[in-house]
Amino acid sequence: MKFTKIKNFLFGLFILGIVIMPYISSAETQIEIQEGEISVETSPSNPQPYQDVTINISSYATDLNKAIITWQNEEGTVLSGIGKTSYTFKTQGPNTSSFFNISITPVGEMNTINKTVFISPSEIEIMWESVDGYTPPFYKGRTLPVSGGFIKAVAIPNTNTIKMGSGSISYTWKNAGSTNLDASGYNKNSYIFKNDMFNDKNEITVIASSVAGNYNAENTIEIPVYDPKIIFYKKSPIEGILYNNAYNKEATITEDEITLVAEPYFMSLKGNNFSYNWKINNEIINTPSKKTELTIRPSSRGGYATITLVMENLNDLFQKASNTLKLNL
């Protein structure tokens, strides 16, 4: 008798579960996914003109791999199907936006969620120069950075909405991935830093964004580090230093006396703490009164002499330059 009552009770629970289960399932499907529960991200986050960009959508509230997703742009549908959670395209030129409307119908729902994406490719250039590197007069090239030298990077936005070096822009500067807070900030479009003596290059990143939100750009460049070098020139008593005629490894002199001038290209001359090691035929000589000038007076003709100068910055041990010139007498 007792067993029969228990059996009937369990049977009643089973019937009740069958009756109310559809209502529970129905209640669960009534929970609609909201637009804010679907995220949209682009890779890269700040695309440049003519660059491949991937748009990804994701959600913690529903399985988008089972949803019907349709991607449309200005020309119509570009992608449609179940689980189409990403789309890759190439951006257009600067100041040209790309528009996408993403229609999402989650599994088990009739309502469609729409997400709108505008992508405006922005371009920013980074120009750089050595701040304290030396070059002689009339040198037309750019001063190159050397070990232990200071480098200046300047960000130049390429957009019609922002003028170069002005406008309401905030800049974030990174060196080797680390943000420099002192150099970053509102309208700080330049960054000066000292190159580490152990680096053979510097990876500099700038992220720029306008206060109005209509401009976002990012760029990373590698600034190489060069070796300083010494170049010898002849100094004429009348015309001065002949910068238009550099001596390259070997020269012939016919004068009774010649003055050589050594120009230390790209070395950081701040502080003026240098050692000068002059040699003639591998013999160390006294440093001349004008440390970068050496006067040669041949005592005989028909031979040759090798002139060597090693110049070293005592403040930066890895900043060193040397050169050797063979003089035919």
Protein backbone atom coordinates (compact mmCIF):
# COMPACT_ATOMS: atom_id res chain seq x y z
CA MET A 1 0.00 0.00 0.00
CA LYS A 2 2.80 2.36 0.99
CA PHE A 3 4.71 1.49 -2.21
CA THR A 4 1.63 2.29 -4.31
CA LYS A 5 1.34 5.80 -2.79
CA ILE A 6 5.00 6.55 -3.51
CA LYS A 7 4.56 5.32 -7.06
CA ASN A 8 1.52 7.51 -7.61
CA PHE A 9 3.35 10.53 -6.15
CA LEU A 10 6.31 10.14 -8.48
CA PHE A 11 4.00 9.67 -11.44
CA GLY A 12 2.27 12.91 -10.54
CA LEU A 13 5.57 14.78 -10.46
CA PHE A 14 6.45 13.40 -13.88
CA ILE A 15 3.14 14.57 -15.35
CA LEU A 16 3.58 18.01 -13.75
CA GLY A 17 7.04 18.33 -15.28
CA ILE A 18 5.67 17.53 -18.72
CA VAL A 19 2.96 20.16 -18.31
CA ILE A 20 5.14 23.03 -17.06
CA MET A 21 8.30 22.30 -19.13
CA PRO A 22 7.03 23.98 -22.31
CA TYR A 23 6.28 27.08 -20.29
CA ILE A 24 9.79 27.12 -18.81
CA SER A 25 11.34 26.63 -22.27
CA SER A 26 9.08 29.30 -23.66
CA ALA A 27 10.14 31.67 -20.88
CA GLU A 28 13.80 31.04 -21.62
CA THR A 29 13.40 31.83 -25.33
CA GLN A 30 11.54 35.01 -24.44
CA ILE A 31 14.80 36.49 -23.03
CA GLU A 32 15.90 38.69 -25.93
CA ILE A 33 19.53 39.47 -26.66
CA GLN A 34 20.22 43.20 -26.45
CA GLU A 35 22.38 45.17 -28.86
CA GLY A 36 24.81 46.09 -26.10
CA GLU A 37 25.51 42.41 -25.47
CA ILE A 38 27.21 42.09 -28.87
CA SER A 39 30.68 43.60 -29.21
CA VAL A 40 32.39 44.78 -32.37
CA GLU A 41 36.18 45.01 -32.70
CA THR A 42 38.50 45.79 -35.58
CA SER A 43 42.01 44.51 -36.19
CA PRO A 44 44.06 46.64 -36.38
CA SER A 45 42.18 49.01 -34.08
CA ASN A 46 43.46 52.11 -35.93
CA PRO A 47 43.65 51.04 -39.58
CA GLN A 48 45.65 52.94 -42.16
CA PRO A 49 44.64 53.66 -45.77
CA TYR A 50 44.74 50.67 -48.17
CA GLN A 51 45.26 48.23 -45.31
CA ASP A 52 43.53 44.87 -44.71
CA VAL A 53 41.12 45.17 -41.78
CA THR A 54 39.14 42.43 -40.05
CA ILE A 55 35.88 43.21 -38.22
CA ASN A 56 34.95 40.70 -35.51
CA ILE A 57 31.73 40.41 -33.53
CA SER A 58 31.41 38.49 -30.27
CA SER A 59 28.93 38.02 -27.43
CA TYR A 60 28.84 36.55 -23.95
CA ALA A 61 25.04 36.32 -24.01
CA THR A 62 24.49 34.10 -27.06
CA ASP A 63 26.33 31.71 -29.33
CA LEU A 64 26.97 33.72 -32.48
CA ASN A 65 28.35 30.65 -34.23
CA LYS A 66 24.72 29.50 -34.51
CA ALA A 67 23.27 32.90 -35.42
CA ILE A 68 22.29 34.06 -38.90
CA ILE A 69 24.53 37.01 -39.70
CA THR A 70 24.39 39.31 -42.71
CA TRP A 71 27.03 41.91 -43.57
CA GLN A 72 26.10 44.85 -45.81
CA ASN A 73 27.97 47.89 -47.03
CA GLU A 74 27.09 50.74 -49.39
CA GLU A 75 26.95 48.34 -52.34
CA GLY A 76 24.76 45.68 -50.70
CA THR A 77 25.31 42.32 -49.05
CA VAL A 78 28.95 41.24 -48.92
CA LEU A 79 28.63 38.22 -46.59
CA SER A 80 25.75 36.19 -45.17
CA GLY A 81 25.23 32.88 -43.41
CA ILE A 82 25.30 31.05 -40.10
CA GLY A 83 28.21 31.90 -37.82
CA LYS A 84 29.72 34.56 -40.08
CA THR A 85 31.29 36.43 -37.17
CA SER A 86 34.11 38.16 -39.06
CA TYR A 87 34.65 40.01 -42.30
CA THR A 88 37.92 41.21 -43.87
CA PHE A 89 38.22 44.05 -46.37
CA LYS A 90 40.73 46.63 -47.59
CA THR A 91 40.30 50.23 -46.48
CA GLN A 92 40.10 53.07 -48.94
CA GLY A 93 42.23 56.21 -49.07
CA PRO A 94 42.66 58.81 -46.34
CA ASN A 95 39.49 60.64 -45.24
CA THR A 96 37.28 57.99 -46.89
CA SER A 97 35.00 56.07 -44.53
CA SER A 98 33.70 52.53 -44.98
CA PHE A 99 30.20 51.71 -43.67
CA PHE A 100 28.91 48.30 -42.57
CA ASN A 101 25.55 47.22 -41.23
CA ILE A 102 25.62 43.85 -39.45
CA SER A 103 22.26 42.07 -39.01
CA ILE A 104 22.28 39.33 -36.37
CA THR A 105 19.46 36.85 -35.70
CA PRO A 106 20.40 34.70 -32.68
CA VAL A 107 19.36 31.06 -32.67
CA GLY A 108 15.80 30.52 -31.41
CA GLU A 109 14.81 34.17 -31.85
CA MET A 110 12.78 36.05 -34.42
CA ASN A 111 14.15 39.50 -33.59
CA THR A 112 17.15 40.85 -35.47
CA ILE A 113 19.87 42.94 -33.90
CA ASN A 114 21.65 45.54 -36.04
CA LYS A 115 25.16 46.80 -35.44
CA THR A 116 26.58 49.70 -37.43
CA VAL A 117 30.30 50.14 -38.04
CA PHE A 118 32.08 53.16 -39.54
CA ILE A 119 35.77 52.78 -40.31
CA SER A 120 37.76 55.85 -41.31
CA PRO A 121 41.37 55.00 -42.15
CA SER A 122 43.78 57.56 -40.74
CA GLU A 123 47.41 58.05 -41.58
CA ILE A 124 50.18 59.53 -39.48
CA GLU A 125 53.84 59.83 -40.37
CA ILE A 126 56.80 59.91 -38.01
CA MET A 127 59.80 61.97 -39.04
CA TRP A 128 63.04 61.79 -37.07
CA GLU A 129 66.42 63.44 -36.77
CA SER A 130 69.49 63.40 -34.57
CA VAL A 131 69.37 66.30 -32.11
CA ASP A 132 73.01 66.57 -31.09
CA GLY A 133 74.84 64.82 -33.93
CA TYR A 134 77.53 66.84 -35.70
CA THR A 135 77.81 67.49 -39.41
CA PRO A 136 80.19 69.99 -41.04
CA PRO A 137 79.06 73.14 -42.87
CA PHE A 138 77.29 72.73 -46.22
CA TYR A 139 76.33 69.13 -45.44
CA LYS A 140 73.04 68.51 -47.25
CA GLY A 141 72.04 65.18 -45.75
CA ARG A 142 70.26 64.31 -42.53
CA THR A 143 72.21 63.95 -39.32
CA LEU A 144 72.14 60.26 -38.39
CA PRO A 145 71.71 59.00 -34.81
CA VAL A 146 74.57 57.19 -33.14
CA SER A 147 74.97 55.24 -29.92
CA GLY A 148 74.26 57.45 -26.90
CA GLY A 149 72.91 60.31 -29.03
CA PHE A 150 69.62 62.18 -28.70
CA ILE A 151 66.88 61.62 -31.28
CA LYS A 152 63.79 63.70 -32.00
CA ALA A 153 60.66 62.09 -33.47
CA VAL A 154 57.85 64.24 -34.84
CA ALA A 155 54.32 63.02 -35.64
CA ILE A 156 52.64 64.45 -38.74
CA PRO A 157 48.92 63.61 -39.14
CA ASN A 158 47.75 63.11 -42.72
CA THR A 159 44.11 64.12 -42.71
CA ASN A 160 41.90 66.94 -43.93
CA THR A 161 40.26 67.36 -40.52
CA ILE A 162 43.44 68.06 -38.59
CA LYS A 163 46.23 70.44 -39.55
CA MET A 164 49.83 69.38 -39.13
CA GLY A 165 51.09 69.91 -35.60
CA SER A 166 47.94 71.63 -34.39
CA GLY A 167 44.32 70.88 -33.61
CA SER A 168 42.89 69.17 -30.58
CA ILE A 169 44.96 65.99 -30.68
CA SER A 170 46.32 63.89 -27.87
CA TYR A 171 49.50 61.93 -28.57
CA THR A 172 50.78 58.79 -26.85
CA TRP A 173 54.45 57.99 -27.43
CA LYS A 174 55.93 54.53 -26.89
CA ASN A 175 59.56 53.46 -26.97
CA ALA A 176 60.09 49.70 -27.40
CA GLY A 177 56.48 49.16 -26.34
CA SER A 178 56.72 51.19 -23.11
CA THR A 179 54.65 54.37 -22.86
CA ASN A 180 56.55 57.55 -22.04
CA LEU A 181 54.08 59.51 -19.91
CA ASP A 182 56.16 62.70 -19.80
CA ALA A 183 56.32 62.92 -23.59
CA SER A 184 52.65 62.02 -24.11
CA GLY A 185 49.70 64.34 -23.86
CA TYR A 186 47.63 67.05 -25.48
CA ASN A 187 49.28 68.46 -28.64
CA LYS A 188 52.64 66.85 -27.78
CA ASN A 189 53.46 65.92 -31.34
CA SER A 190 57.22 65.48 -30.77
CA TYR A 191 59.32 63.20 -28.59
CA ILE A 192 63.02 63.57 -27.73
CA PHE A 193 64.87 60.62 -26.23
CA LYS A 194 68.40 59.36 -25.74
CA ASN A 195 69.34 56.27 -27.66
CA ASP A 196 70.56 53.48 -25.45
CA MET A 197 74.22 52.65 -26.15
CA PHE A 198 73.36 48.94 -26.46
CA ASN A 199 70.57 49.40 -29.04
CA ASP A 200 71.13 48.99 -32.76
CA LYS A 201 67.66 50.39 -33.49
CA ASN A 202 64.78 52.14 -31.76
CA GLU A 203 61.13 51.09 -32.14
CA ILE A 204 58.97 54.19 -31.75
CA THR A 205 55.16 54.18 -31.76
CA VAL A 206 52.78 57.11 -31.74
CA ILE A 207 49.03 56.92 -31.18
CA ALA A 208 47.10 60.07 -32.02
CA SER A 209 43.43 60.79 -31.41
CA SER A 210 41.39 63.96 -31.72
CA VAL A 211 39.27 65.24 -28.87
CA ALA A 212 36.26 65.32 -31.21
CA GLY A 213 36.74 61.64 -32.00
CA ASN A 214 36.92 62.13 -35.78
CA TYR A 215 40.56 61.16 -36.05
CA ASN A 216 42.45 58.14 -34.71
CA ALA A 217 45.76 56.95 -36.07
CA GLU A 218 48.73 54.84 -35.07
CA ASN A 219 52.12 54.18 -36.57
CA THR A 220 55.32 52.39 -35.58
CA ILE A 221 58.74 52.92 -37.12
CA GLU A 222 62.22 51.62 -36.50
CA ILE A 223 64.97 54.22 -36.25
CA PRO A 224 68.34 52.64 -37.01
CA VAL A 225 71.51 53.52 -35.14
CA TYR A 226 74.63 54.27 -37.17
CA ASP A 227 78.33 54.32 -36.49
CA PRO A 228 79.98 57.74 -36.48
CA LYS A 229 82.74 58.20 -39.00
CA ILE A 230 85.70 60.45 -39.63
CA ILE A 231 86.30 61.99 -43.05
CA PHE A 232 89.52 63.81 -43.93
CA TYR A 233 89.58 67.05 -45.93
CA LYS A 234 92.35 69.33 -47.13
CA LYS A 235 92.60 72.79 -45.63
CA SER A 236 93.75 75.45 -48.04
CA PRO A 237 95.54 78.55 -46.66
CA ILE A 238 93.46 80.68 -49.01
CA GLU A 239 90.13 78.89 -49.53
CA GLY A 240 89.78 77.23 -46.17
CA ILE A 241 88.52 73.66 -45.78
CA LEU A 242 87.70 72.09 -49.15
CA TYR A 243 84.50 70.28 -48.24
CA ASN A 244 83.81 69.52 -51.90
CA ASN A 245 86.80 67.17 -52.06
CA ALA A 246 86.98 64.52 -49.35
CA TYR A 247 90.00 62.22 -49.14
CA ASN A 248 89.02 58.58 -49.56
CA LYS A 249 91.64 56.17 -48.18
CA GLU A 250 94.48 57.50 -50.32
CA ALA A 251 95.76 60.83 -51.61
CA THR A 252 98.84 62.28 -53.27
CA ILE A 253 100.38 65.52 -52.07
CA THR A 254 102.79 67.70 -54.01
CA GLU A 255 102.95 70.63 -51.62
CA ASP A 256 105.73 71.15 -49.11
CA GLU A 257 103.09 71.31 -46.42
CA ILE A 258 99.50 70.08 -46.14
CA THR A 259 96.95 70.43 -43.36
CA LEU A 260 94.39 67.68 -42.88
CA VAL A 261 91.09 68.37 -41.16
CA ALA A 262 89.17 65.47 -39.59
CA GLU A 263 85.40 65.91 -39.47
CA PRO A 264 83.65 63.56 -37.00
CA TYR A 265 80.33 62.97 -38.72
CA PHE A 266 77.29 62.33 -36.47
CA MET A 267 79.16 62.30 -33.15
CA SER A 268 77.51 64.05 -30.22
CA LEU A 269 79.75 67.04 -29.56
CA LYS A 270 77.91 68.27 -26.47
CA GLY A 271 80.20 68.40 -23.47
CA ASN A 272 83.35 68.44 -25.62
CA ASN A 273 84.85 65.58 -23.64
CA PHE A 274 86.79 63.68 -26.29
CA SER A 275 90.07 61.89 -26.68
CA TYR A 276 92.10 62.29 -29.89
CA ASN A 277 94.63 59.63 -30.79
CA TRP A 278 96.71 60.62 -33.83
CA LYS A 279 99.25 58.24 -35.37
CA ILE A 280 101.72 58.53 -38.24
CA ASN A 281 102.89 55.15 -39.55
CA ASN A 282 101.41 53.54 -36.42
CA GLU A 283 103.49 55.80 -34.14
CA ILE A 284 101.50 57.85 -31.62
CA ILE A 285 102.16 61.58 -31.89
CA ASN A 286 101.27 64.50 -29.68
CA THR A 287 97.76 65.83 -30.12
CA PRO A 288 97.87 69.02 -32.21
CA SER A 289 96.77 72.34 -30.66
CA LYS A 290 93.77 72.23 -32.97
CA LYS A 291 92.78 68.71 -32.11
CA THR A 292 91.05 67.89 -35.40
CA GLU A 293 93.77 69.37 -37.63
CA LEU A 294 97.14 67.85 -38.49
CA THR A 295 99.83 69.53 -40.58
CA ILE A 296 102.19 67.27 -42.56
CA ARG A 297 105.60 68.42 -43.85
CA PRO A 298 107.28 65.67 -45.91
CA SER A 299 110.99 65.37 -45.27
CA SER A 300 111.51 63.36 -48.44
CA ARG A 301 109.72 62.33 -51.59
CA GLY A 302 108.85 59.01 -53.16
CA GLY A 303 107.42 57.21 -50.17
CA TYR A 304 104.16 57.30 -48.32
CA ALA A 305 102.78 57.89 -44.82
CA THR A 306 99.69 56.50 -43.15
CA ILE A 307 97.73 58.93 -41.02
CA THR A 308 95.33 57.53 -38.44
CA LEU A 309 92.94 59.25 -36.06
CA VAL A 310 90.83 57.58 -33.37
CA MET A 311 88.30 59.89 -31.76
CA GLU A 312 86.28 58.76 -28.74
CA ASN A 313 83.50 60.38 -26.73
CA LEU A 314 84.47 59.89 -23.10
CA ASN A 315 80.89 60.49 -21.96
CA ASP A 316 79.55 57.64 -24.12
CA LEU A 317 82.00 54.77 -24.26
CA PHE A 318 80.45 53.19 -27.35
CA GLN A 319 80.62 56.41 -29.39
CA LYS A 320 83.89 56.06 -31.23
CA ALA A 321 85.14 56.78 -34.76
CA SER A 322 88.35 56.23 -36.65
CA ASN A 323 89.84 56.53 -40.11
CA THR A 324 93.17 55.93 -41.84
CA LEU A 325 94.51 57.84 -44.83
CA LYS A 326 97.47 56.87 -47.00
CA LEU A 327 99.43 59.85 -48.24
CA ASN A 328 101.71 59.39 -51.25
CA LEU A 329 104.60 61.81 -50.82
